[in-house]
Amino acid sequence: VQLVESGGGLVQPGGSLRLSCAASGSRFTINAMGWYRQ
């Protein structure tokens, strides 16, 4: 399963962003998805 994130960038305090993660592959079943940060 390949996961590709997008939507990050620079934003001012109080602002908003929407991150996206697209999954692709063959014959896969996703039981859970999540976001982590470091």
Full PDB file with SEQRES, HELIX, SHEET, SSBOND, CRYST1, ORIGX, SCALE, CONECT and MASTER records, all heavy atoms in Angstrom:
SEQRES   1 A   38  VAL GLN LEU VAL GLU SER GLY GLY GLY LEU VAL GLN PRO          
SEQRES   2 A   38  GLY GLY SER LEU ARG LEU SER CYS ALA ALA SER GLY SER          
SEQRES   3 A   38  ARG PHE THR ILE ASN ALA MET GLY TRP TYR ARG GLN              
SHEET    1 AA1 2 GLN A   2  SER A   6  0                                        
SHEET    2 AA1 2 SER A  20  SER A  24 -1                                        
CRYST1    1.000    1.000    1.000  90.00  90.00  90.00 P 1           1          
ORIGX1      1.000000  0.000000  0.000000        0.00000                         
ORIGX2      0.000000  1.000000  0.000000        0.00000                         
ORIGX3      0.000000  0.000000  1.000000        0.00000                         
SCALE1      1.000000  0.000000  0.000000        0.00000                         
SCALE2      0.000000  1.000000  0.000000        0.00000                         
SCALE3      0.000000  0.000000  1.000000        0.00000                         
ATOM      1  N   VAL A   1       0.858  -1.173   0.000  1.00  0.00           N  
ATOM      2  CA  VAL A   1       0.000   0.000   0.000  1.00  0.00           C  
ATOM      3  C   VAL A   1       0.898   1.228   0.000  1.00  0.00           C  
ATOM      4  O   VAL A   1       1.821   1.335   0.820  1.00  0.00           O  
ATOM      5  CB  VAL A   1      -0.931   0.032   1.215  1.00  0.00           C  
ATOM      6  CG1 VAL A   1      -1.785   1.292   1.201  1.00  0.00           C  
ATOM      7  CG2 VAL A   1      -1.813  -1.211   1.231  1.00  0.00           C  
ATOM      8  N   GLN A   2       0.626   2.130  -0.912  1.00  0.00           N  
ATOM      9  CA  GLN A   2       1.367   3.374  -0.974  1.00  0.00           C  
ATOM     10  C   GLN A   2       0.498   4.518  -0.472  1.00  0.00           C  
ATOM     11  O   GLN A   2      -0.675   4.616  -0.831  1.00  0.00           O  
ATOM     12  CB  GLN A   2       1.840   3.671  -2.399  1.00  0.00           C  
ATOM     13  CG  GLN A   2       2.886   2.705  -2.937  1.00  0.00           C  
ATOM     14  CD  GLN A   2       2.265   1.404  -3.419  1.00  0.00           C  
ATOM     15  OE1 GLN A   2       1.271   1.403  -4.137  1.00  0.00           O  
ATOM     16  NE2 GLN A   2       2.868   0.280  -3.016  1.00  0.00           N  
ATOM     17  N   LEU A   3       1.076   5.384   0.344  1.00  0.00           N  
ATOM     18  CA  LEU A   3       0.378   6.529   0.899  1.00  0.00           C  
ATOM     19  C   LEU A   3       1.119   7.797   0.497  1.00  0.00           C  
ATOM     20  O   LEU A   3       2.332   7.887   0.680  1.00  0.00           O  
ATOM     21  CB  LEU A   3       0.301   6.444   2.425  1.00  0.00           C  
ATOM     22  CG  LEU A   3      -0.330   5.181   3.009  1.00  0.00           C  
ATOM     23  CD1 LEU A   3      -0.223   5.197   4.534  1.00  0.00           C  
ATOM     24  CD2 LEU A   3      -1.792   5.071   2.587  1.00  0.00           C  
ATOM     25  N   VAL A   4       0.394   8.761  -0.034  1.00  0.00           N  
ATOM     26  CA  VAL A   4       0.982  10.018  -0.460  1.00  0.00           C  
ATOM     27  C   VAL A   4       0.231  11.164   0.188  1.00  0.00           C  
ATOM     28  O   VAL A   4      -0.966  11.343  -0.047  1.00  0.00           O  
ATOM     29  CB  VAL A   4       0.959  10.170  -1.992  1.00  0.00           C  
ATOM     30  CG1 VAL A   4       1.572  11.504  -2.396  1.00  0.00           C  
ATOM     31  CG2 VAL A   4       1.714   9.029  -2.653  1.00  0.00           C  
ATOM     32  N   GLU A   5       0.939  11.954   1.002  1.00  0.00           N  
ATOM     33  CA  GLU A   5       0.342  13.096   1.673  1.00  0.00           C  
ATOM     34  C   GLU A   5       0.496  14.361   0.837  1.00  0.00           C  
ATOM     35  O   GLU A   5       1.439  14.490   0.057  1.00  0.00           O  
ATOM     36  CB  GLU A   5       0.987  13.330   3.050  1.00  0.00           C  
ATOM     37  CG  GLU A   5       0.960  12.131   3.981  1.00  0.00           C  
ATOM     38  CD  GLU A   5       2.270  11.384   4.000  1.00  0.00           C  
ATOM     39  OE1 GLU A   5       2.985  11.393   2.966  1.00  0.00           O  
ATOM     40  OE2 GLU A   5       2.600  10.783   5.047  1.00  0.00           O  
ATOM     41  N   SER A   6      -0.407  15.300   1.046  1.00  0.00           N  
ATOM     42  CA  SER A   6      -0.326  16.599   0.404  1.00  0.00           C  
ATOM     43  C   SER A   6      -1.090  17.614   1.244  1.00  0.00           C  
ATOM     44  O   SER A   6      -1.863  17.243   2.122  1.00  0.00           O  
ATOM     45  CB  SER A   6      -0.891  16.561  -1.022  1.00  0.00           C  
ATOM     46  OG  SER A   6      -2.266  16.227  -1.023  1.00  0.00           O  
ATOM     47  N   GLY A   7      -0.865  18.891   0.975  1.00  0.00           N  
ATOM     48  CA  GLY A   7      -1.606  19.946   1.629  1.00  0.00           C  
ATOM     49  C   GLY A   7      -0.855  20.715   2.692  1.00  0.00           C  
ATOM     50  O   GLY A   7      -1.368  21.712   3.211  1.00  0.00           O  
ATOM     51  N   GLY A   8       0.345  20.282   3.030  1.00  0.00           N  
ATOM     52  CA  GLY A   8       1.123  20.988   4.028  1.00  0.00           C  
ATOM     53  C   GLY A   8       1.664  22.299   3.487  1.00  0.00           C  
ATOM     54  O   GLY A   8       1.612  22.575   2.292  1.00  0.00           O  
ATOM     55  N   GLY A   9       2.184  23.115   4.389  1.00  0.00           N  
ATOM     56  CA  GLY A   9       2.735  24.390   3.989  1.00  0.00           C  
ATOM     57  C   GLY A   9       2.877  25.330   5.154  1.00  0.00           C  
ATOM     58  O   GLY A   9       2.856  24.924   6.315  1.00  0.00           O  
ATOM     59  N   LEU A  10       3.032  26.610   4.838  1.00  0.00           N  
ATOM     60  CA  LEU A  10       3.187  27.663   5.835  1.00  0.00           C  
ATOM     61  C   LEU A  10       1.857  28.367   6.048  1.00  0.00           C  
ATOM     62  O   LEU A  10       1.197  28.765   5.089  1.00  0.00           O  
ATOM     63  CB  LEU A  10       4.246  28.664   5.380  1.00  0.00           C  
ATOM     64  CG  LEU A  10       4.452  29.911   6.244  1.00  0.00           C  
ATOM     65  CD1 LEU A  10       4.968  29.524   7.621  1.00  0.00           C  
ATOM     66  CD2 LEU A  10       5.403  30.871   5.549  1.00  0.00           C  
ATOM     67  N   VAL A  11       1.475  28.528   7.310  1.00  0.00           N  
ATOM     68  CA  VAL A  11       0.225  29.188   7.638  1.00  0.00           C  
ATOM     69  C   VAL A  11       0.420  30.022   8.901  1.00  0.00           C  
ATOM     70  O   VAL A  11       1.232  29.685   9.758  1.00  0.00           O  
ATOM     71  CB  VAL A  11      -0.913  28.156   7.832  1.00  0.00           C  
ATOM     72  CG1 VAL A  11      -0.617  27.248   9.014  1.00  0.00           C  
ATOM     73  CG2 VAL A  11      -2.255  28.842   7.988  1.00  0.00           C  
ATOM     74  N   GLN A  12      -0.312  31.126   9.003  1.00  0.00           N  
ATOM     75  CA  GLN A  12      -0.226  31.982  10.182  1.00  0.00           C  
ATOM     76  C   GLN A  12      -1.007  31.390  11.348  1.00  0.00           C  
ATOM     77  O   GLN A  12      -1.950  30.623  11.148  1.00  0.00           O  
ATOM     78  CB  GLN A  12      -0.758  33.376   9.861  1.00  0.00           C  
ATOM     79  CG  GLN A  12       0.063  34.140   8.846  1.00  0.00           C  
ATOM     80  CD  GLN A  12      -0.439  35.558   8.651  1.00  0.00           C  
ATOM     81  OE1 GLN A  12      -1.410  35.989   9.272  1.00  0.00           O  
ATOM     82  NE2 GLN A  12       0.230  36.292   7.792  1.00  0.00           N  
ATOM     83  N   PRO A  13      -0.620  31.721  12.579  1.00  0.00           N  
ATOM     84  CA  PRO A  13      -1.400  31.264  13.731  1.00  0.00           C  
ATOM     85  C   PRO A  13      -2.861  31.657  13.594  1.00  0.00           C  
ATOM     86  O   PRO A  13      -3.185  32.774  13.189  1.00  0.00           O  
ATOM     87  CB  PRO A  13      -0.731  31.975  14.909  1.00  0.00           C  
ATOM     88  CG  PRO A  13       0.673  32.190  14.460  1.00  0.00           C  
ATOM     89  CD  PRO A  13       0.572  32.484  12.982  1.00  0.00           C  
ATOM     90  N   GLY A  14      -3.744  30.723  13.935  1.00  0.00           N  
ATOM     91  CA  GLY A  14      -5.170  30.943  13.783  1.00  0.00           C  
ATOM     92  C   GLY A  14      -5.716  30.543  12.433  1.00  0.00           C  
ATOM     93  O   GLY A  14      -6.940  30.498  12.249  1.00  0.00           O  
ATOM     94  N   GLY A  15      -4.840  30.240  11.504  1.00  0.00           N  
ATOM     95  CA  GLY A  15      -5.253  29.844  10.174  1.00  0.00           C  
ATOM     96  C   GLY A  15      -5.638  28.384  10.091  1.00  0.00           C  
ATOM     97  O   GLY A  15      -5.656  27.662  11.088  1.00  0.00           O  
ATOM     98  N   SER A  16      -5.937  27.944   8.867  1.00  0.00           N  
ATOM     99  CA  SER A  16      -6.398  26.577   8.637  1.00  0.00           C  
ATOM    100  C   SER A  16      -5.663  25.933   7.469  1.00  0.00           C  
ATOM    101  O   SER A  16      -5.198  26.617   6.548  1.00  0.00           O  
ATOM    102  CB  SER A  16      -7.904  26.559   8.339  1.00  0.00           C  
ATOM    103  OG  SER A  16      -8.661  27.061   9.422  1.00  0.00           O  
ATOM    104  N   LEU A  17      -5.559  24.624   7.523  1.00  0.00           N  
ATOM    105  CA  LEU A  17      -5.025  23.814   6.441  1.00  0.00           C  
ATOM    106  C   LEU A  17      -5.803  22.511   6.391  1.00  0.00           C  
ATOM    107  O   LEU A  17      -6.322  22.051   7.410  1.00  0.00           O  
ATOM    108  CB  LEU A  17      -3.541  23.492   6.645  1.00  0.00           C  
ATOM    109  CG  LEU A  17      -2.497  24.564   6.357  1.00  0.00           C  
ATOM    110  CD1 LEU A  17      -1.113  24.036   6.741  1.00  0.00           C  
ATOM    111  CD2 LEU A  17      -2.517  24.960   4.893  1.00  0.00           C  
ATOM    112  N   ARG A  18      -5.866  21.916   5.206  1.00  0.00           N  
ATOM    113  CA  ARG A  18      -6.438  20.590   5.063  1.00  0.00           C  
ATOM    114  C   ARG A  18      -5.420  19.673   4.420  1.00  0.00           C  
ATOM    115  O   ARG A  18      -4.988  19.900   3.289  1.00  0.00           O  
ATOM    116  CB  ARG A  18      -7.723  20.594   4.229  1.00  0.00           C  
ATOM    117  CG  ARG A  18      -8.448  19.236   4.276  1.00  0.00           C  
ATOM    118  CD  ARG A  18      -9.710  19.192   3.452  1.00  0.00           C  
ATOM    119  NE  ARG A  18      -9.431  19.097   2.021  1.00  0.00           N  
ATOM    120  CZ  ARG A  18     -10.310  18.689   1.112  1.00  0.00           C  
ATOM    121  NH1 ARG A  18     -11.536  18.333   1.494  1.00  0.00           N  
ATOM    122  NH2 ARG A  18      -9.978  18.652  -0.169  1.00  0.00           N  
ATOM    123  N   LEU A  19      -5.033  18.649   5.150  1.00  0.00           N  
ATOM    124  CA  LEU A  19      -4.107  17.655   4.641  1.00  0.00           C  
ATOM    125  C   LEU A  19      -4.871  16.516   3.988  1.00  0.00           C  
ATOM    126  O   LEU A  19      -5.955  16.148   4.434  1.00  0.00           O  
ATOM    127  CB  LEU A  19      -3.233  17.100   5.766  1.00  0.00           C  
ATOM    128  CG  LEU A  19      -2.451  18.107   6.616  1.00  0.00           C  
ATOM    129  CD1 LEU A  19      -1.591  17.363   7.630  1.00  0.00           C  
ATOM    130  CD2 LEU A  19      -1.607  19.018   5.738  1.00  0.00           C  
ATOM    131  N   SER A  20      -4.289  15.951   2.944  1.00  0.00           N  
ATOM    132  CA  SER A  20      -4.882  14.822   2.252  1.00  0.00           C  
ATOM    133  C   SER A  20      -3.882  13.679   2.194  1.00  0.00           C  
ATOM    134  O   SER A  20      -2.681  13.899   2.107  1.00  0.00           O  
ATOM    135  CB  SER A  20      -5.295  15.205   0.827  1.00  0.00           C  
ATOM    136  OG  SER A  20      -6.256  16.234   0.819  1.00  0.00           O  
ATOM    137  N   CYS A  21      -4.391  12.463   2.229  1.00  0.00           N  
ATOM    138  CA  CYS A  21      -3.566  11.271   2.100  1.00  0.00           C  
ATOM    139  C   CYS A  21      -4.278  10.292   1.185  1.00  0.00           C  
ATOM    140  O   CYS A  21      -5.351   9.784   1.534  1.00  0.00           O  
ATOM    141  CB  CYS A  21      -3.307  10.638   3.465  1.00  0.00           C  
ATOM    142  SG  CYS A  21      -2.411   9.067   3.391  1.00  0.00           S  
ATOM    143  N   ALA A  22      -3.690  10.033   0.036  1.00  0.00           N  
ATOM    144  CA  ALA A  22      -4.266   9.123  -0.944  1.00  0.00           C  
ATOM    145  C   ALA A  22      -3.583   7.766  -0.861  1.00  0.00           C  
ATOM    146  O   ALA A  22      -2.354   7.675  -0.913  1.00  0.00           O  
ATOM    147  CB  ALA A  22      -4.137   9.702  -2.346  1.00  0.00           C  
ATOM    148  N   ALA A  23      -4.379   6.715  -0.742  1.00  0.00           N  
ATOM    149  CA  ALA A  23      -3.869   5.354  -0.682  1.00  0.00           C  
ATOM    150  C   ALA A  23      -4.040   4.664  -2.024  1.00  0.00           C  
ATOM    151  O   ALA A  23      -5.068   4.805  -2.685  1.00  0.00           O  
ATOM    152  CB  ALA A  23      -4.593   4.558   0.400  1.00  0.00           C  
ATOM    153  N   SER A  24      -3.041   3.901  -2.422  1.00  0.00           N  
ATOM    154  CA  SER A  24      -3.114   3.158  -3.666  1.00  0.00           C  
ATOM    155  C   SER A  24      -2.407   1.820  -3.509  1.00  0.00           C  
ATOM    156  O   SER A  24      -1.573   1.643  -2.624  1.00  0.00           O  
ATOM    157  CB  SER A  24      -2.499   3.950  -4.826  1.00  0.00           C  
ATOM    158  OG  SER A  24      -1.118   4.187  -4.603  1.00  0.00           O  
ATOM    159  N   GLY A  25      -2.736   0.884  -4.374  1.00  0.00           N  
ATOM    160  CA  GLY A  25      -2.145  -0.434  -4.328  1.00  0.00           C  
ATOM    161  C   GLY A  25      -3.051  -1.445  -4.987  1.00  0.00           C  
ATOM    162  O   GLY A  25      -3.941  -1.085  -5.758  1.00  0.00           O  
ATOM    163  N   SER A  26      -2.826  -2.715  -4.693  1.00  0.00           N  
ATOM    164  CA  SER A  26      -3.601  -3.795  -5.275  1.00  0.00           C  
ATOM    165  C   SER A  26      -4.124  -4.726  -4.189  1.00  0.00           C  
ATOM    166  O   SER A  26      -3.367  -5.171  -3.317  1.00  0.00           O  
ATOM    167  CB  SER A  26      -2.754  -4.587  -6.274  1.00  0.00           C  
ATOM    168  OG  SER A  26      -3.487  -5.639  -6.855  1.00  0.00           O  
ATOM    169  N   ARG A  27      -5.407  -5.000  -4.247  1.00  0.00           N  
ATOM    170  CA  ARG A  27      -6.058  -5.940  -3.336  1.00  0.00           C  
ATOM    171  C   ARG A  27      -5.732  -5.647  -1.878  1.00  0.00           C  
ATOM    172  O   ARG A  27      -5.227  -6.506  -1.150  1.00  0.00           O  
ATOM    173  CB  ARG A  27      -5.670  -7.381  -3.692  1.00  0.00           C  
ATOM    174  CG  ARG A  27      -6.126  -7.828  -5.073  1.00  0.00           C  
ATOM    175  CD  ARG A  27      -5.748  -9.273  -5.341  1.00  0.00           C  
ATOM    176  NE  ARG A  27      -6.200  -9.714  -6.659  1.00  0.00           N  
ATOM    177  CZ  ARG A  27      -6.005 -10.929  -7.146  1.00  0.00           C  
ATOM    178  NH1 ARG A  27      -5.363 -11.840  -6.416  1.00  0.00           N  
ATOM    179  NH2 ARG A  27      -6.447 -11.234  -8.359  1.00  0.00           N  
ATOM    180  N   PHE A  28      -6.027  -4.428  -1.470  1.00  0.00           N  
ATOM    181  CA  PHE A  28      -5.789  -4.065  -0.085  1.00  0.00           C  
ATOM    182  C   PHE A  28      -7.078  -3.664   0.605  1.00  0.00           C  
ATOM    183  O   PHE A  28      -8.011  -3.161  -0.026  1.00  0.00           O  
ATOM    184  CB  PHE A  28      -4.752  -2.945   0.029  1.00  0.00           C  
ATOM    185  CG  PHE A  28      -5.174  -1.631  -0.558  1.00  0.00           C  
ATOM    186  CD1 PHE A  28      -5.831  -0.693   0.222  1.00  0.00           C  
ATOM    187  CD2 PHE A  28      -4.909  -1.325  -1.878  1.00  0.00           C  
ATOM    188  CE1 PHE A  28      -6.214   0.531  -0.311  1.00  0.00           C  
ATOM    189  CE2 PHE A  28      -5.287  -0.110  -2.423  1.00  0.00           C  
ATOM    190  CZ  PHE A  28      -5.945   0.815  -1.637  1.00  0.00           C  
ATOM    191  N   THR A  29      -7.108  -3.895   1.897  1.00  0.00           N  
ATOM    192  CA  THR A  29      -8.225  -3.503   2.741  1.00  0.00           C  
ATOM    193  C   THR A  29      -7.676  -2.723   3.922  1.00  0.00           C  
ATOM    194  O   THR A  29      -6.856  -3.236   4.677  1.00  0.00           O  
ATOM    195  CB  THR A  29      -9.008  -4.721   3.248  1.00  0.00           C  
ATOM    196  OG1 THR A  29      -9.533  -5.452   2.134  1.00  0.00           O  
ATOM    197  CG2 THR A  29     -10.164  -4.283   4.133  1.00  0.00           C  
ATOM    198  N   ILE A  30      -8.131  -1.495   4.074  1.00  0.00           N  
ATOM    199  CA  ILE A  30      -7.669  -0.636   5.154  1.00  0.00           C  
ATOM    200  C   ILE A  30      -8.623  -0.739   6.333  1.00  0.00           C  
ATOM    201  O   ILE A  30      -9.825  -0.518   6.185  1.00  0.00           O  
ATOM    202  CB  ILE A  30      -7.552   0.818   4.673  1.00  0.00           C  
ATOM    203  CG1 ILE A  30      -6.491   0.923   3.582  1.00  0.00           C  
ATOM    204  CG2 ILE A  30      -7.217   1.733   5.848  1.00  0.00           C  
ATOM    205  CD1 ILE A  30      -6.360   2.303   2.982  1.00  0.00           C  
ATOM    206  N   ASN A  31      -8.077  -1.072   7.479  1.00  0.00           N  
ATOM    207  CA  ASN A  31      -8.874  -1.192   8.689  1.00  0.00           C  
ATOM    208  C   ASN A  31      -8.889   0.095   9.507  1.00  0.00           C  
ATOM    209  O   ASN A  31      -9.828   0.335  10.265  1.00  0.00           O  
ATOM    210  CB  ASN A  31      -8.368  -2.347   9.545  1.00  0.00           C  
ATOM    211  CG  ASN A  31      -8.534  -3.684   8.848  1.00  0.00           C  
ATOM    212  OD1 ASN A  31      -9.542  -3.935   8.190  1.00  0.00           O  
ATOM    213  ND2 ASN A  31      -7.543  -4.555   8.993  1.00  0.00           N  
ATOM    214  N   ALA A  32      -7.856   0.890   9.364  1.00  0.00           N  
ATOM    215  CA  ALA A  32      -7.794   2.164  10.068  1.00  0.00           C  
ATOM    216  C   ALA A  32      -6.779   3.060   9.383  1.00  0.00           C  
ATOM    217  O   ALA A  32      -5.794   2.582   8.818  1.00  0.00           O  
ATOM    218  CB  ALA A  32      -7.423   1.973  11.533  1.00  0.00           C  
ATOM    219  N   MET A  33      -7.016   4.351   9.426  1.00  0.00           N  
ATOM    220  CA  MET A  33      -6.063   5.329   8.931  1.00  0.00           C  
ATOM    221  C   MET A  33      -5.907   6.425   9.968  1.00  0.00           C  
ATOM    222  O   MET A  33      -6.847   6.722  10.708  1.00  0.00           O  
ATOM    223  CB  MET A  33      -6.505   5.929   7.597  1.00  0.00           C  
ATOM    224  CG  MET A  33      -6.562   4.929   6.462  1.00  0.00           C  
ATOM    225  SD  MET A  33      -6.842   5.701   4.840  1.00  0.00           S  
ATOM    226  CE  MET A  33      -5.219   6.436   4.546  1.00  0.00           C  
ATOM    227  N   GLY A  34      -4.734   7.002  10.002  1.00  0.00           N  
ATOM    228  CA  GLY A  34      -4.493   8.034  10.984  1.00  0.00           C  
ATOM    229  C   GLY A  34      -3.426   9.007  10.553  1.00  0.00           C  
ATOM    230  O   GLY A  34      -2.751   8.824   9.537  1.00  0.00           O  
ATOM    231  N   TRP A  35      -3.319  10.054  11.336  1.00  0.00           N  
ATOM    232  CA  TRP A  35      -2.298  11.068  11.139  1.00  0.00           C  
ATOM    233  C   TRP A  35      -1.419  11.146  12.373  1.00  0.00           C  
ATOM    234  O   TRP A  35      -1.923  11.168  13.504  1.00  0.00           O  
ATOM    235  CB  TRP A  35      -2.919  12.442  10.876  1.00  0.00           C  
ATOM    236  CG  TRP A  35      -3.577  12.557   9.538  1.00  0.00           C  
ATOM    237  CD1 TRP A  35      -4.887  12.353   9.235  1.00  0.00           C  
ATOM    238  CD2 TRP A  35      -2.940  12.928   8.311  1.00  0.00           C  
ATOM    239  NE1 TRP A  35      -5.122  12.565   7.907  1.00  0.00           N  
ATOM    240  CE2 TRP A  35      -3.936  12.912   7.308  1.00  0.00           C  
ATOM    241  CE3 TRP A  35      -1.639  13.259   7.962  1.00  0.00           C  
ATOM    242  CZ2 TRP A  35      -3.664  13.231   5.977  1.00  0.00           C  
ATOM    243  CZ3 TRP A  35      -1.361  13.564   6.635  1.00  0.00           C  
ATOM    244  CH2 TRP A  35      -2.366  13.551   5.661  1.00  0.00           C  
ATOM    245  N   TYR A  36      -0.125  11.172  12.158  1.00  0.00           N  
ATOM    246  CA  TYR A  36       0.860  11.363  13.196  1.00  0.00           C  
ATOM    247  C   TYR A  36       1.691  12.581  12.843  1.00  0.00           C  
ATOM    248  O   TYR A  36       1.703  13.023  11.694  1.00  0.00           O  
ATOM    249  CB  TYR A  36       1.763  10.134  13.330  1.00  0.00           C  
ATOM    250  CG  TYR A  36       1.068   8.898  13.869  1.00  0.00           C  
ATOM    251  CD1 TYR A  36       0.145   8.194  13.106  1.00  0.00           C  
ATOM    252  CD2 TYR A  36       1.341   8.430  15.155  1.00  0.00           C  
ATOM    253  CE1 TYR A  36      -0.493   7.068  13.599  1.00  0.00           C  
ATOM    254  CE2 TYR A  36       0.713   7.304  15.652  1.00  0.00           C  
ATOM    255  CZ  TYR A  36      -0.200   6.628  14.866  1.00  0.00           C  
ATOM    256  OH  TYR A  36      -0.823   5.507  15.363  1.00  0.00           O  
ATOM    257  N   ARG A  37       2.385  13.125  13.816  1.00  0.00           N  
ATOM    258  CA  ARG A  37       3.258  14.251  13.541  1.00  0.00           C  
ATOM    259  C   ARG A  37       4.519  14.152  14.378  1.00  0.00           C  
ATOM    260  O   ARG A  37       4.529  13.556  15.452  1.00  0.00           O  
ATOM    261  CB  ARG A  37       2.551  15.587  13.806  1.00  0.00           C  
ATOM    262  CG  ARG A  37       2.217  15.857  15.267  1.00  0.00           C  
ATOM    263  CD  ARG A  37       1.397  17.124  15.395  1.00  0.00           C  
ATOM    264  NE  ARG A  37       1.090  17.447  16.778  1.00  0.00           N  
ATOM    265  CZ  ARG A  37       0.274  18.429  17.152  1.00  0.00           C  
ATOM    266  NH1 ARG A  37      -0.316  19.193  16.234  1.00  0.00           N  
ATOM    267  NH2 ARG A  37       0.054  18.659  18.434  1.00  0.00           N  
ATOM    268  N   GLN A  38       5.571  14.746  13.863  1.00  0.00           N  
ATOM    269  CA  GLN A  38       6.842  14.762  14.563  1.00  0.00           C  
ATOM    270  C   GLN A  38       7.451  16.148  14.440  1.00  0.00           C  
ATOM    271  O   GLN A  38       7.778  16.600  13.341  1.00  0.00           O  
ATOM    272  CB  GLN A  38       7.796  13.704  14.007  1.00  0.00           C  
ATOM    273  CG  GLN A  38       9.081  13.559  14.795  1.00  0.00           C  
ATOM    274  CD  GLN A  38       9.853  12.308  14.418  1.00  0.00           C  
ATOM    275  OE1 GLN A  38       9.642  11.735  13.347  1.00  0.00           O  
ATOM    276  NE2 GLN A  38      10.735  11.871  15.294  1.00  0.00           N  
TER     277      GLN A  38                                                      
MASTER        0    0    0    0    2    0    0    6  276    1    0    3          
END                                                                             
